[in-house]
Amino acid sequence: MSVTRPLGAVSVLAAAAVVLAACGSADAADPAPADGAQTISFSWDRNVAGEDEDPVYEPTTVEVPVEPETIVVFDMASLDTIGALGGEVAGAPLESVPDYLREHLADDAFNAGTLFEADLLEIEAHQPDLIVIGGRSAGLWEDLNAIAPTVDLSISGTFEETLERNTTFLGEVLGAQDEAAAALEELHAGIEEARAVTADAGTGLGLMVSGGELSALAPTHGEATGRNARGGLIYDVFGVTPVVDDVEAATHGEPVTFEFLLEHDPDYLWVVDRDTATGAEGAQAAAAVLDNEIVHRTTAYQEDQIVYLDPVAWYIVFGGITTTQLMIDDVLSIAG
């Protein structure tokens, strides 16, 4: 693995359960690293149910080599953290790598497929030492783990717990423990600074705009899962006071109207433009969707308090050292 000087560090709250242990475990999933290689155990509960079935979780442990030479990554938050800690990624779904993370790819990085379908022959030809999946790519585990040790770094617990766990683990893997600790400390300070700003900002509403429709994002009230942790981030991590405490009850899970925004009238609107994040062709930008007479009557519009969040950071990558700092900066943008 080529190691460069790490990017400026960044941090977050501690806690998080990850099994980090030198050497092996009798229950570790195959394939194992080469004999005599120093390893770290990573354990998680893997969903083994089918796509349309209720989740069934199976404890899974994989032995991961320390300082692997060739890393393949399907999870963009992990690619972010590996690069920020000085690592380099040999293979990834290249079309899905955001521009601001492409510097973490090797000069001769190969295309490993898509976030949903791996190019198994191409990956096997490059003989990786470690494969990292997560989120959209979690279902690829069995096929990829047959090629090389594969770990799933999907959201588990809260956003902050996942950031702590994954940054600590990848720091151990890369031999960059000090850099990982410094990054987490800086991110933690940034999140606390952001929370101090939102504490005096009145009420807010997280809003997803896609296909011209609006979806109200809801706080998780401490019951975060992979899906709702994304929606609840602006409240749960950054401390925005929700203008509607029970969004599900208020909206019945349906898209909201412009009248809904006027009726509840939050001081701030925190907007994620999903179509921009996904590169949807011909889609109307969120700012254009919200440029209408009803929205013009809201406090957020009249006080210039509609915040357009970095759509790739908040919707696509959603984690990692550099991306979390981008999120912090978005929230701090409202400071006077």
C-alpha atoms as a PDB file:
ATOM      1  CA  MET A   1       0.000   0.000   0.000  1.00  0.00           C
ATOM      2  CA  SER A   2       1.323   3.386  -0.929  1.00  0.00           C
ATOM      3  CA  VAL A   3       1.038   5.707   2.064  1.00  0.00           C
ATOM      4  CA  THR A   4       1.110   9.459   1.688  1.00  0.00           C
ATOM      5  CA  ARG A   5       0.945  12.207   4.256  1.00  0.00           C
ATOM      6  CA  PRO A   6      -2.585  12.110   5.752  1.00  0.00           C
ATOM      7  CA  LEU A   7      -5.009  14.907   5.059  1.00  0.00           C
ATOM      8  CA  GLY A   8      -5.739  17.326   7.879  1.00  0.00           C
ATOM      9  CA  ALA A   9      -7.245  15.362  10.668  1.00  0.00           C
ATOM     10  CA  VAL A  10     -10.801  15.731  11.907  1.00  0.00           C
ATOM     11  CA  SER A  11     -13.304  13.708  15.175  1.00  0.00           C
ATOM     12  CA  VAL A  12     -16.463  12.529  17.015  1.00  0.00           C
ATOM     13  CA  LEU A  13     -17.962  11.016  20.120  1.00  0.00           C
ATOM     14  CA  ALA A  14     -16.480   7.795  21.330  1.00  0.00           C
ATOM     15  CA  ALA A  15     -18.184   4.491  22.124  1.00  0.00           C
ATOM     16  CA  ALA A  16     -18.863   1.921  19.407  1.00  0.00           C
ATOM     17  CA  ALA A  17     -18.326  -1.723  19.447  1.00  0.00           C
ATOM     18  CA  VAL A  18     -15.767  -3.088  17.059  1.00  0.00           C
ATOM     19  CA  VAL A  19     -13.699  -6.130  17.752  1.00  0.00           C
ATOM     20  CA  LEU A  20     -10.093  -5.149  17.227  1.00  0.00           C
ATOM     21  CA  ALA A  21      -7.669  -7.881  18.173  1.00  0.00           C
ATOM     22  CA  ALA A  22      -4.289  -8.926  16.961  1.00  0.00           C
ATOM     23  CA  CYS A  23      -4.127 -12.284  15.204  1.00  0.00           C
ATOM     24  CA  GLY A  24      -6.840 -14.767  14.587  1.00  0.00           C
ATOM     25  CA  SER A  25     -10.184 -16.077  15.637  1.00  0.00           C
ATOM     26  CA  ALA A  26     -11.316 -19.650  15.224  1.00  0.00           C
ATOM     27  CA  ASP A  27     -14.684 -18.437  13.944  1.00  0.00           C
ATOM     28  CA  ALA A  28     -13.284 -16.069  11.345  1.00  0.00           C
ATOM     29  CA  ALA A  29     -14.807 -16.263   7.891  1.00  0.00           C
ATOM     30  CA  ASP A  30     -12.677 -17.525   5.025  1.00  0.00           C
ATOM     31  CA  PRO A  31     -10.511 -16.634   3.213  1.00  0.00           C
ATOM     32  CA  ALA A  32      -7.796 -15.971   5.783  1.00  0.00           C
ATOM     33  CA  PRO A  33      -4.760 -13.742   5.150  1.00  0.00           C
ATOM     34  CA  ALA A  34      -1.430 -15.372   4.392  1.00  0.00           C
ATOM     35  CA  ASP A  35       0.144 -17.439   7.139  1.00  0.00           C
ATOM     36  CA  GLY A  36       2.163 -15.353   9.562  1.00  0.00           C
ATOM     37  CA  ALA A  37       0.561 -12.059   8.516  1.00  0.00           C
ATOM     38  CA  GLN A  38      -0.470  -9.720  11.310  1.00  0.00           C
ATOM     39  CA  THR A  39      -4.239  -9.403  11.356  1.00  0.00           C
ATOM     40  CA  ILE A  40      -7.093  -7.592  13.043  1.00  0.00           C
ATOM     41  CA  SER A  41     -10.484  -9.181  13.705  1.00  0.00           C
ATOM     42  CA  PHE A  42     -13.551  -7.282  12.585  1.00  0.00           C
ATOM     43  CA  SER A  43     -16.974  -8.505  13.719  1.00  0.00           C
ATOM     44  CA  TRP A  44     -20.489  -7.411  12.819  1.00  0.00           C
ATOM     45  CA  ASP A  45     -24.026  -8.780  12.533  1.00  0.00           C
ATOM     46  CA  ARG A  46     -24.566  -9.654   8.870  1.00  0.00           C
ATOM     47  CA  ASN A  47     -28.048  -9.744   7.383  1.00  0.00           C
ATOM     48  CA  VAL A  48     -28.364 -13.138   5.671  1.00  0.00           C
ATOM     49  CA  ALA A  49     -32.040 -12.809   4.683  1.00  0.00           C
ATOM     50  CA  GLY A  50     -33.200 -12.412   1.104  1.00  0.00           C
ATOM     51  CA  GLU A  51     -33.970  -9.034  -0.424  1.00  0.00           C
ATOM     52  CA  ASP A  52     -37.723  -9.120   0.319  1.00  0.00           C
ATOM     53  CA  GLU A  53     -37.480 -11.001   3.627  1.00  0.00           C
ATOM     54  CA  ASP A  54     -37.372  -9.768   7.193  1.00  0.00           C
ATOM     55  CA  PRO A  55     -33.770  -9.275   8.342  1.00  0.00           C
ATOM     56  CA  VAL A  56     -31.999 -12.274   9.875  1.00  0.00           C
ATOM     57  CA  TYR A  57     -28.661 -11.442  11.425  1.00  0.00           C
ATOM     58  CA  GLU A  58     -25.680 -13.750  11.734  1.00  0.00           C
ATOM     59  CA  PRO A  59     -22.560 -12.848  13.747  1.00  0.00           C
ATOM     60  CA  THR A  60     -19.663 -12.677  11.314  1.00  0.00           C
ATOM     61  CA  THR A  61     -15.951 -12.231  11.948  1.00  0.00           C
ATOM     62  CA  VAL A  62     -13.291 -11.608   9.322  1.00  0.00           C
ATOM     63  CA  GLU A  63      -9.536 -11.543   9.806  1.00  0.00           C
ATOM     64  CA  VAL A  64      -8.088  -8.490   8.065  1.00  0.00           C
ATOM     65  CA  PRO A  65      -4.384  -8.083   7.242  1.00  0.00           C
ATOM     66  CA  VAL A  66      -2.580  -5.088   8.706  1.00  0.00           C
ATOM     67  CA  GLU A  67      -1.190  -2.666   6.095  1.00  0.00           C
ATOM     68  CA  PRO A  68      -2.702  -4.444   3.073  1.00  0.00           C
ATOM     69  CA  GLU A  69      -1.022  -3.767  -0.254  1.00  0.00           C
ATOM     70  CA  THR A  70      -4.105  -3.815  -2.482  1.00  0.00           C
ATOM     71  CA  ILE A  71      -7.464  -2.477  -1.249  1.00  0.00           C
ATOM     72  CA  VAL A  72     -10.743  -2.559  -3.145  1.00  0.00           C
ATOM     73  CA  VAL A  73     -13.530  -0.320  -1.818  1.00  0.00           C
ATOM     74  CA  PHE A  74     -17.256  -0.217  -2.646  1.00  0.00           C
ATOM     75  CA  ASP A  75     -18.235   2.035   0.269  1.00  0.00           C
ATOM     76  CA  MET A  76     -17.537   5.708  -0.460  1.00  0.00           C
ATOM     77  CA  ALA A  77     -17.389   6.724   3.211  1.00  0.00           C
ATOM     78  CA  SER A  78     -14.661   4.122   3.732  1.00  0.00           C
ATOM     79  CA  LEU A  79     -12.801   5.290   0.635  1.00  0.00           C
ATOM     80  CA  ASP A  80     -12.913   8.777   2.140  1.00  0.00           C
ATOM     81  CA  THR A  81     -11.470   7.617   5.466  1.00  0.00           C
ATOM     82  CA  ILE A  82      -8.796   5.374   3.934  1.00  0.00           C
ATOM     83  CA  GLY A  83      -7.563   8.279   1.839  1.00  0.00           C
ATOM     84  CA  ALA A  84      -7.732  10.788   4.680  1.00  0.00           C
ATOM     85  CA  LEU A  85      -5.590   8.454   6.800  1.00  0.00           C
ATOM     86  CA  GLY A  86      -2.925   8.219   4.095  1.00  0.00           C
ATOM     87  CA  GLY A  87      -4.019   5.077   2.284  1.00  0.00           C
ATOM     88  CA  GLU A  88      -4.593   4.450  -1.388  1.00  0.00           C
ATOM     89  CA  VAL A  89      -7.398   2.527  -3.076  1.00  0.00           C
ATOM     90  CA  ALA A  90      -6.523   0.181  -5.945  1.00  0.00           C
ATOM     91  CA  GLY A  91     -10.040  -0.569  -7.160  1.00  0.00           C
ATOM     92  CA  ALA A  92     -13.548   0.867  -6.782  1.00  0.00           C
ATOM     93  CA  PRO A  93     -16.766   1.456  -8.747  1.00  0.00           C
ATOM     94  CA  LEU A  94     -15.044   4.339 -10.526  1.00  0.00           C
ATOM     95  CA  GLU A  95     -18.179   5.991 -11.880  1.00  0.00           C
ATOM     96  CA  SER A  96     -19.496   6.332  -8.306  1.00  0.00           C
ATOM     97  CA  VAL A  97     -16.404   7.961  -6.789  1.00  0.00           C
ATOM     98  CA  PRO A  98     -17.105  11.679  -6.147  1.00  0.00           C
ATOM     99  CA  ASP A  99     -14.660  14.159  -7.625  1.00  0.00           C
ATOM    100  CA  TYR A 100     -13.398  15.288  -4.232  1.00  0.00           C
ATOM    101  CA  LEU A 101     -12.398  11.715  -3.319  1.00  0.00           C
ATOM    102  CA  ARG A 102     -10.717  10.720  -6.591  1.00  0.00           C
ATOM    103  CA  GLU A 103      -7.297  11.787  -5.319  1.00  0.00           C
ATOM    104  CA  HIS A 104      -7.392   8.750  -3.019  1.00  0.00           C
ATOM    105  CA  LEU A 105      -7.410   6.355  -5.982  1.00  0.00           C
ATOM    106  CA  ALA A 106      -4.199   4.828  -7.281  1.00  0.00           C
ATOM    107  CA  ASP A 107      -3.014   6.244 -10.611  1.00  0.00           C
ATOM    108  CA  ASP A 108      -3.813   2.898 -12.208  1.00  0.00           C
ATOM    109  CA  ALA A 109      -7.000   2.242 -10.225  1.00  0.00           C
ATOM    110  CA  PHE A 110      -9.271  -0.310 -11.870  1.00  0.00           C
ATOM    111  CA  ASN A 111     -13.049  -0.337 -12.169  1.00  0.00           C
ATOM    112  CA  ALA A 112     -14.453  -2.915  -9.726  1.00  0.00           C
ATOM    113  CA  GLY A 113     -18.029  -2.746 -11.044  1.00  0.00           C
ATOM    114  CA  THR A 114     -20.944  -0.761  -9.624  1.00  0.00           C
ATOM    115  CA  LEU A 115     -22.263  -0.225  -6.112  1.00  0.00           C
ATOM    116  CA  PHE A 116     -24.732  -3.066  -6.729  1.00  0.00           C
ATOM    117  CA  GLU A 117     -22.805  -5.464  -8.957  1.00  0.00           C
ATOM    118  CA  ALA A 118     -19.127  -6.357  -8.577  1.00  0.00           C
ATOM    119  CA  ASP A 119     -16.880  -7.265 -11.507  1.00  0.00           C
ATOM    120  CA  LEU A 120     -15.677 -10.452  -9.835  1.00  0.00           C
ATOM    121  CA  LEU A 121     -13.282 -11.475 -12.600  1.00  0.00           C
ATOM    122  CA  GLU A 122     -11.585  -8.074 -12.646  1.00  0.00           C
ATOM    123  CA  ILE A 123     -11.304  -7.989  -8.869  1.00  0.00           C
ATOM    124  CA  GLU A 124      -9.894 -11.514  -8.653  1.00  0.00           C
ATOM    125  CA  ALA A 125      -7.346 -10.700 -11.353  1.00  0.00           C
ATOM    126  CA  HIS A 126      -5.917  -7.946  -9.124  1.00  0.00           C
ATOM    127  CA  GLN A 127      -5.641 -10.244  -6.082  1.00  0.00           C
ATOM    128  CA  PRO A 128      -6.687  -7.731  -3.408  1.00  0.00           C
ATOM    129  CA  ASP A 129      -5.661  -8.128   0.212  1.00  0.00           C
ATOM    130  CA  LEU A 130      -8.782  -6.397   1.549  1.00  0.00           C
ATOM    131  CA  ILE A 131     -12.231  -5.510   0.212  1.00  0.00           C
ATOM    132  CA  VAL A 132     -14.491  -2.983   1.963  1.00  0.00           C
ATOM    133  CA  ILE A 133     -18.244  -2.822   1.352  1.00  0.00           C
ATOM    134  CA  GLY A 134     -21.132  -0.982   2.990  1.00  0.00           C
ATOM    135  CA  GLY A 135     -24.626   0.343   2.439  1.00  0.00           C
ATOM    136  CA  ARG A 136     -25.713  -0.282  -1.139  1.00  0.00           C
ATOM    137  CA  SER A 137     -22.964  -2.863  -1.678  1.00  0.00           C
ATOM    138  CA  ALA A 138     -23.541  -4.905   1.506  1.00  0.00           C
ATOM    139  CA  GLY A 139     -25.271  -7.669  -0.450  1.00  0.00           C
ATOM    140  CA  LEU A 140     -22.034  -8.434  -2.322  1.00  0.00           C
ATOM    141  CA  TRP A 141     -20.328  -9.887   0.755  1.00  0.00           C
ATOM    142  CA  GLU A 142     -20.452 -13.622  -0.006  1.00  0.00           C
ATOM    143  CA  ASP A 143     -19.096 -13.315  -3.546  1.00  0.00           C
ATOM    144  CA  LEU A 144     -16.377 -10.848  -2.583  1.00  0.00           C
ATOM    145  CA  ASN A 145     -15.315 -12.640   0.580  1.00  0.00           C
ATOM    146  CA  ALA A 146     -14.584 -15.700  -1.544  1.00  0.00           C
ATOM    147  CA  ILE A 147     -11.894 -13.608  -3.253  1.00  0.00           C
ATOM    148  CA  ALA A 148     -10.331 -11.742  -0.315  1.00  0.00           C
ATOM    149  CA  PRO A 149     -11.165 -10.793   3.289  1.00  0.00           C
ATOM    150  CA  THR A 150     -14.224  -8.561   3.008  1.00  0.00           C
ATOM    151  CA  VAL A 151     -15.677  -6.353   5.748  1.00  0.00           C
ATOM    152  CA  ASP A 152     -19.015  -4.548   5.813  1.00  0.00           C
ATOM    153  CA  LEU A 153     -18.679  -1.020   7.238  1.00  0.00           C
ATOM    154  CA  SER A 154     -22.353  -0.096   6.838  1.00  0.00           C
ATOM    155  CA  ILE A 155     -24.013   2.178   9.372  1.00  0.00           C
ATOM    156  CA  SER A 156     -24.466   0.306  12.631  1.00  0.00           C
ATOM    157  CA  GLY A 157     -25.900   2.234  15.539  1.00  0.00           C
ATOM    158  CA  THR A 158     -25.804   6.014  15.289  1.00  0.00           C
ATOM    159  CA  PHE A 159     -23.898   8.028  12.711  1.00  0.00           C
ATOM    160  CA  GLU A 160     -21.340   9.011  15.344  1.00  0.00           C
ATOM    161  CA  GLU A 161     -20.882   5.457  16.607  1.00  0.00           C
ATOM    162  CA  THR A 162     -20.327   4.264  13.051  1.00  0.00           C
ATOM    163  CA  LEU A 163     -17.824   7.029  12.346  1.00  0.00           C
ATOM    164  CA  GLU A 164     -15.924   6.190  15.545  1.00  0.00           C
ATOM    165  CA  ARG A 165     -15.920   2.451  14.863  1.00  0.00           C
ATOM    166  CA  ASN A 166     -14.934   2.641  11.210  1.00  0.00           C
ATOM    167  CA  THR A 167     -12.263   5.317  11.608  1.00  0.00           C
ATOM    168  CA  THR A 168     -10.678   3.446  14.511  1.00  0.00           C
ATOM    169  CA  PHE A 169     -10.763   0.155  12.616  1.00  0.00           C
ATOM    170  CA  LEU A 170      -9.305   1.561   9.404  1.00  0.00           C
ATOM    171  CA  GLY A 171      -6.643   3.365  11.418  1.00  0.00           C
ATOM    172  CA  GLU A 172      -5.623   0.006  12.891  1.00  0.00           C
ATOM    173  CA  VAL A 173      -5.608  -1.609   9.450  1.00  0.00           C
ATOM    174  CA  LEU A 174      -3.458   1.116   7.903  1.00  0.00           C
ATOM    175  CA  GLY A 175      -1.102   1.487  10.847  1.00  0.00           C
ATOM    176  CA  ALA A 176      -2.423   5.032  11.271  1.00  0.00           C
ATOM    177  CA  GLN A 177      -3.868   4.834  14.765  1.00  0.00           C
ATOM    178  CA  ASP A 178      -2.577   8.240  15.833  1.00  0.00           C
ATOM    179  CA  GLU A 179      -3.951   9.899  12.714  1.00  0.00           C
ATOM    180  CA  ALA A 180      -7.331   8.237  13.252  1.00  0.00           C
ATOM    181  CA  ALA A 181      -7.487   9.390  16.862  1.00  0.00           C
ATOM    182  CA  ALA A 182      -6.553  12.951  15.874  1.00  0.00           C
ATOM    183  CA  ALA A 183      -9.173  12.930  13.118  1.00  0.00           C
ATOM    184  CA  LEU A 184     -11.895  11.832  15.511  1.00  0.00           C
ATOM    185  CA  GLU A 185     -10.878  14.437  18.063  1.00  0.00           C
ATOM    186  CA  GLU A 186     -11.070  17.217  15.479  1.00  0.00           C
ATOM    187  CA  LEU A 187     -14.418  16.017  14.115  1.00  0.00           C
ATOM    188  CA  HIS A 188     -15.824  15.800  17.619  1.00  0.00           C
ATOM    189  CA  ALA A 189     -14.819  19.403  18.247  1.00  0.00           C
ATOM    190  CA  GLY A 190     -16.369  20.456  14.944  1.00  0.00           C
ATOM    191  CA  ILE A 191     -19.663  18.731  15.703  1.00  0.00           C
ATOM    192  CA  GLU A 192     -19.812  20.387  19.120  1.00  0.00           C
ATOM    193  CA  GLU A 193     -19.150  23.769  17.494  1.00  0.00           C
ATOM    194  CA  ALA A 194     -21.947  23.133  15.010  1.00  0.00           C
ATOM    195  CA  ARG A 195     -24.343  22.113  17.771  1.00  0.00           C
ATOM    196  CA  ALA A 196     -23.578  25.341  19.613  1.00  0.00           C
ATOM    197  CA  VAL A 197     -24.557  27.275  16.493  1.00  0.00           C
ATOM    198  CA  THR A 198     -27.823  25.410  15.900  1.00  0.00           C
ATOM    199  CA  ALA A 199     -28.783  25.740  19.577  1.00  0.00           C
ATOM    200  CA  ASP A 200     -29.442  29.435  18.945  1.00  0.00           C
ATOM    201  CA  ALA A 201     -30.963  29.040  15.480  1.00  0.00           C
ATOM    202  CA  GLY A 202     -34.584  28.364  16.343  1.00  0.00           C
ATOM    203  CA  THR A 203     -36.440  25.528  14.640  1.00  0.00           C
ATOM    204  CA  GLY A 204     -35.542  23.681  11.485  1.00  0.00           C
ATOM    205  CA  LEU A 205     -36.824  21.159   8.980  1.00  0.00           C
ATOM    206  CA  GLY A 206     -34.698  18.775   6.961  1.00  0.00           C
ATOM    207  CA  LEU A 207     -36.043  18.506   3.442  1.00  0.00           C
ATOM    208  CA  MET A 208     -35.239  16.077   0.630  1.00  0.00           C
ATOM    209  CA  VAL A 209     -36.133  17.340  -2.852  1.00  0.00           C
ATOM    210  CA  SER A 210     -36.418  14.827  -5.687  1.00  0.00           C
ATOM    211  CA  GLY A 211     -38.419  14.775  -8.896  1.00  0.00           C
ATOM    212  CA  GLY A 212     -40.064  18.043  -7.906  1.00  0.00           C
ATOM    213  CA  GLU A 213     -41.462  16.511  -4.707  1.00  0.00           C
ATOM    214  CA  LEU A 214     -40.594  17.315  -1.092  1.00  0.00           C
ATOM    215  CA  SER A 215     -39.974  14.805   1.693  1.00  0.00           C
ATOM    216  CA  ALA A 216     -39.651  15.934   5.302  1.00  0.00           C
ATOM    217  CA  LEU A 217     -36.696  14.344   7.097  1.00  0.00           C
ATOM    218  CA  ALA A 218     -37.393  13.076  10.592  1.00  0.00           C
ATOM    219  CA  PRO A 219     -35.347  12.790  13.794  1.00  0.00           C
ATOM    220  CA  THR A 220     -34.722   9.207  14.905  1.00  0.00           C
ATOM    221  CA  HIS A 221     -35.323   9.788  18.637  1.00  0.00           C
ATOM    222  CA  GLY A 222     -32.444   7.438  19.425  1.00  0.00           C
ATOM    223  CA  GLU A 223     -33.663   4.610  17.210  1.00  0.00           C
ATOM    224  CA  ALA A 224     -31.293   5.058  14.278  1.00  0.00           C
ATOM    225  CA  THR A 225     -31.017   2.481  11.536  1.00  0.00           C
ATOM    226  CA  GLY A 226     -29.083   2.704   8.290  1.00  0.00           C
ATOM    227  CA  ARG A 227     -31.997   4.309   6.444  1.00  0.00           C
ATOM    228  CA  ASN A 228     -33.414   6.702   9.008  1.00  0.00           C
ATOM    229  CA  ALA A 229     -29.996   7.703  10.374  1.00  0.00           C
ATOM    230  CA  ARG A 230     -29.497   9.487   7.061  1.00  0.00           C
ATOM    231  CA  GLY A 231     -32.730  11.426   7.414  1.00  0.00           C
ATOM    232  CA  GLY A 232     -32.229  12.222  11.076  1.00  0.00           C
ATOM    233  CA  LEU A 233     -28.635  13.439  10.791  1.00  0.00           C
ATOM    234  CA  ILE A 234     -29.377  17.161  10.835  1.00  0.00           C
ATOM    235  CA  TYR A 235     -31.269  16.749  14.120  1.00  0.00           C
ATOM    236  CA  ASP A 236     -29.546  13.820  15.840  1.00  0.00           C
ATOM    237  CA  VAL A 237     -25.937  14.828  15.235  1.00  0.00           C
ATOM    238  CA  PHE A 238     -26.069  18.549  14.576  1.00  0.00           C
ATOM    239  CA  GLY A 239     -28.714  19.485  17.107  1.00  0.00           C
ATOM    240  CA  VAL A 240     -31.292  21.235  14.926  1.00  0.00           C
ATOM    241  CA  THR A 241     -34.567  21.605  16.829  1.00  0.00           C
ATOM    242  CA  PRO A 242     -37.260  19.962  14.679  1.00  0.00           C
ATOM    243  CA  VAL A 243     -40.201  22.195  13.902  1.00  0.00           C
ATOM    244  CA  VAL A 244     -42.331  19.032  13.797  1.00  0.00           C
ATOM    245  CA  ASP A 245     -41.337  16.503  16.427  1.00  0.00           C
ATOM    246  CA  ASP A 246     -43.296  13.605  14.946  1.00  0.00           C
ATOM    247  CA  VAL A 247     -42.795  13.992  11.208  1.00  0.00           C
ATOM    248  CA  GLU A 248     -44.168  10.514  10.471  1.00  0.00           C
ATOM    249  CA  ALA A 249     -47.462  11.290  12.180  1.00  0.00           C
ATOM    250  CA  ALA A 250     -47.676  14.703  10.541  1.00  0.00           C
ATOM    251  CA  THR A 251     -46.976  13.449   7.023  1.00  0.00           C
ATOM    252  CA  HIS A 252     -48.134   9.801   7.131  1.00  0.00           C
ATOM    253  CA  GLY A 253     -44.899   8.986   5.287  1.00  0.00           C
ATOM    254  CA  GLU A 254     -46.061  10.884   2.217  1.00  0.00           C
ATOM    255  CA  PRO A 255     -44.335  13.749   0.360  1.00  0.00           C
ATOM    256  CA  VAL A 256     -45.149  17.124   1.891  1.00  0.00           C
ATOM    257  CA  THR A 257     -46.612  20.156   0.174  1.00  0.00           C
ATOM    258  CA  PHE A 258     -45.405  23.728  -0.030  1.00  0.00           C
ATOM    259  CA  GLU A 259     -48.361  24.553   2.209  1.00  0.00           C
ATOM    260  CA  PHE A 260     -46.896  22.198   4.835  1.00  0.00           C
ATOM    261  CA  LEU A 261     -43.749  24.356   4.886  1.00  0.00           C
ATOM    262  CA  LEU A 262     -45.812  27.510   5.322  1.00  0.00           C
ATOM    263  CA  GLU A 263     -48.064  25.975   7.979  1.00  0.00           C
ATOM    264  CA  HIS A 264     -45.200  24.803  10.206  1.00  0.00           C
ATOM    265  CA  ASP A 265     -42.892  27.655   9.142  1.00  0.00           C
ATOM    266  CA  PRO A 266     -39.467  26.575  10.484  1.00  0.00           C
ATOM    267  CA  ASP A 267     -36.798  29.216  11.004  1.00  0.00           C
ATOM    268  CA  TYR A 268     -34.422  27.214   8.784  1.00  0.00           C
ATOM    269  CA  LEU A 269     -34.865  24.780   5.924  1.00  0.00           C
ATOM    270  CA  TRP A 270     -32.002  22.306   5.501  1.00  0.00           C
ATOM    271  CA  VAL A 271     -32.265  21.019   1.945  1.00  0.00           C
ATOM    272  CA  VAL A 272     -30.741  17.960   0.275  1.00  0.00           C
ATOM    273  CA  ASP A 273     -31.077  17.955  -3.520  1.00  0.00           C
ATOM    274  CA  ARG A 274     -31.274  14.224  -4.257  1.00  0.00           C
ATOM    275  CA  ASP A 275     -31.443  14.643  -8.029  1.00  0.00           C
ATOM    276  CA  THR A 276     -28.222  16.644  -8.064  1.00  0.00           C
ATOM    277  CA  ALA A 277     -26.571  14.028  -5.845  1.00  0.00           C
ATOM    278  CA  THR A 278     -27.519  11.190  -8.176  1.00  0.00           C
ATOM    279  CA  GLY A 279     -26.985  13.122 -11.402  1.00  0.00           C
ATOM    280  CA  ALA A 280     -30.583  12.680 -12.555  1.00  0.00           C
ATOM    281  CA  GLU A 281     -30.870  13.942 -16.117  1.00  0.00           C
ATOM    282  CA  GLY A 282     -33.284  16.780 -16.787  1.00  0.00           C
ATOM    283  CA  ALA A 283     -34.208  17.157 -13.133  1.00  0.00           C
ATOM    284  CA  GLN A 284     -35.191  20.527 -11.740  1.00  0.00           C
ATOM    285  CA  ALA A 285     -32.768  21.823  -9.129  1.00  0.00           C
ATOM    286  CA  ALA A 286     -34.056  22.026  -5.562  1.00  0.00           C
ATOM    287  CA  ALA A 287     -33.593  25.800  -5.520  1.00  0.00           C
ATOM    288  CA  ALA A 288     -35.869  26.096  -8.547  1.00  0.00           C
ATOM    289  CA  VAL A 289     -38.477  23.779  -7.016  1.00  0.00           C
ATOM    290  CA  LEU A 290     -38.598  25.952  -3.892  1.00  0.00           C
ATOM    291  CA  ASP A 291     -38.736  29.207  -5.846  1.00  0.00           C
ATOM    292  CA  ASN A 292     -42.468  29.821  -5.680  1.00  0.00           C
ATOM    293  CA  GLU A 293     -44.986  32.182  -4.117  1.00  0.00           C
ATOM    294  CA  ILE A 294     -45.870  29.909  -1.187  1.00  0.00           C
ATOM    295  CA  VAL A 295     -42.262  29.292  -0.135  1.00  0.00           C
ATOM    296  CA  HIS A 296     -41.582  33.014  -0.529  1.00  0.00           C
ATOM    297  CA  ARG A 297     -43.986  33.601   2.384  1.00  0.00           C
ATOM    298  CA  THR A 298     -42.026  31.373   4.788  1.00  0.00           C
ATOM    299  CA  THR A 299     -39.682  32.689   7.444  1.00  0.00           C
ATOM    300  CA  ALA A 300     -36.808  30.626   6.057  1.00  0.00           C
ATOM    301  CA  TYR A 301     -37.108  32.291   2.643  1.00  0.00           C
ATOM    302  CA  GLN A 302     -37.695  35.807   3.907  1.00  0.00           C
ATOM    303  CA  GLU A 303     -34.757  35.621   6.328  1.00  0.00           C
ATOM    304  CA  ASP A 304     -32.470  33.969   3.722  1.00  0.00           C
ATOM    305  CA  GLN A 305     -32.325  30.857   5.886  1.00  0.00           C
ATOM    306  CA  ILE A 306     -32.715  28.088   3.329  1.00  0.00           C
ATOM    307  CA  VAL A 307     -29.486  26.083   3.509  1.00  0.00           C
ATOM    308  CA  TYR A 308     -28.635  23.887   0.532  1.00  0.00           C
ATOM    309  CA  LEU A 309     -26.484  21.082   1.904  1.00  0.00           C
ATOM    310  CA  ASP A 310     -23.717  19.463  -0.138  1.00  0.00           C
ATOM    311  CA  PRO A 311     -25.850  16.803  -1.859  1.00  0.00           C
ATOM    312  CA  VAL A 312     -23.073  14.288  -2.537  1.00  0.00           C
ATOM    313  CA  ALA A 313     -21.770  14.476   1.029  1.00  0.00           C
ATOM    314  CA  TRP A 314     -25.189  14.218   2.684  1.00  0.00           C
ATOM    315  CA  TYR A 315     -26.830  11.694   0.357  1.00  0.00           C
ATOM    316  CA  ILE A 316     -24.189   9.641  -1.447  1.00  0.00           C
ATOM    317  CA  VAL A 317     -21.115   9.373   0.786  1.00  0.00           C
ATOM    318  CA  PHE A 318     -22.700  10.041   4.187  1.00  0.00           C
ATOM    319  CA  GLY A 319     -19.699   9.456   6.421  1.00  0.00           C
ATOM    320  CA  GLY A 320     -15.937   9.372   6.363  1.00  0.00           C
ATOM    321  CA  ILE A 321     -13.457  11.912   7.647  1.00  0.00           C
ATOM    322  CA  THR A 322     -13.467  14.489   4.854  1.00  0.00           C
ATOM    323  CA  THR A 323     -17.197  14.183   4.198  1.00  0.00           C
ATOM    324  CA  THR A 324     -18.117  14.661   7.842  1.00  0.00           C
ATOM    325  CA  GLN A 325     -16.039  17.834   7.832  1.00  0.00           C
ATOM    326  CA  LEU A 326     -17.975  19.016   4.768  1.00  0.00           C
ATOM    327  CA  MET A 327     -21.199  18.404   6.693  1.00  0.00           C
ATOM    328  CA  ILE A 328     -19.883  20.348   9.679  1.00  0.00           C
ATOM    329  CA  ASP A 329     -18.937  23.224   7.395  1.00  0.00           C
ATOM    330  CA  ASP A 330     -22.433  23.226   5.884  1.00  0.00           C
ATOM    331  CA  VAL A 331     -23.994  23.632   9.322  1.00  0.00           C
ATOM    332  CA  LEU A 332     -21.461  26.238  10.427  1.00  0.00           C
ATOM    333  CA  SER A 333     -22.320  28.301   7.350  1.00  0.00           C
ATOM    334  CA  ILE A 334     -25.280  29.798   9.237  1.00  0.00           C
ATOM    335  CA  ALA A 335     -23.013  31.317  11.890  1.00  0.00           C
ATOM    336  CA  GLY A 336     -22.890  35.087  11.702  1.00  0.00           C
END
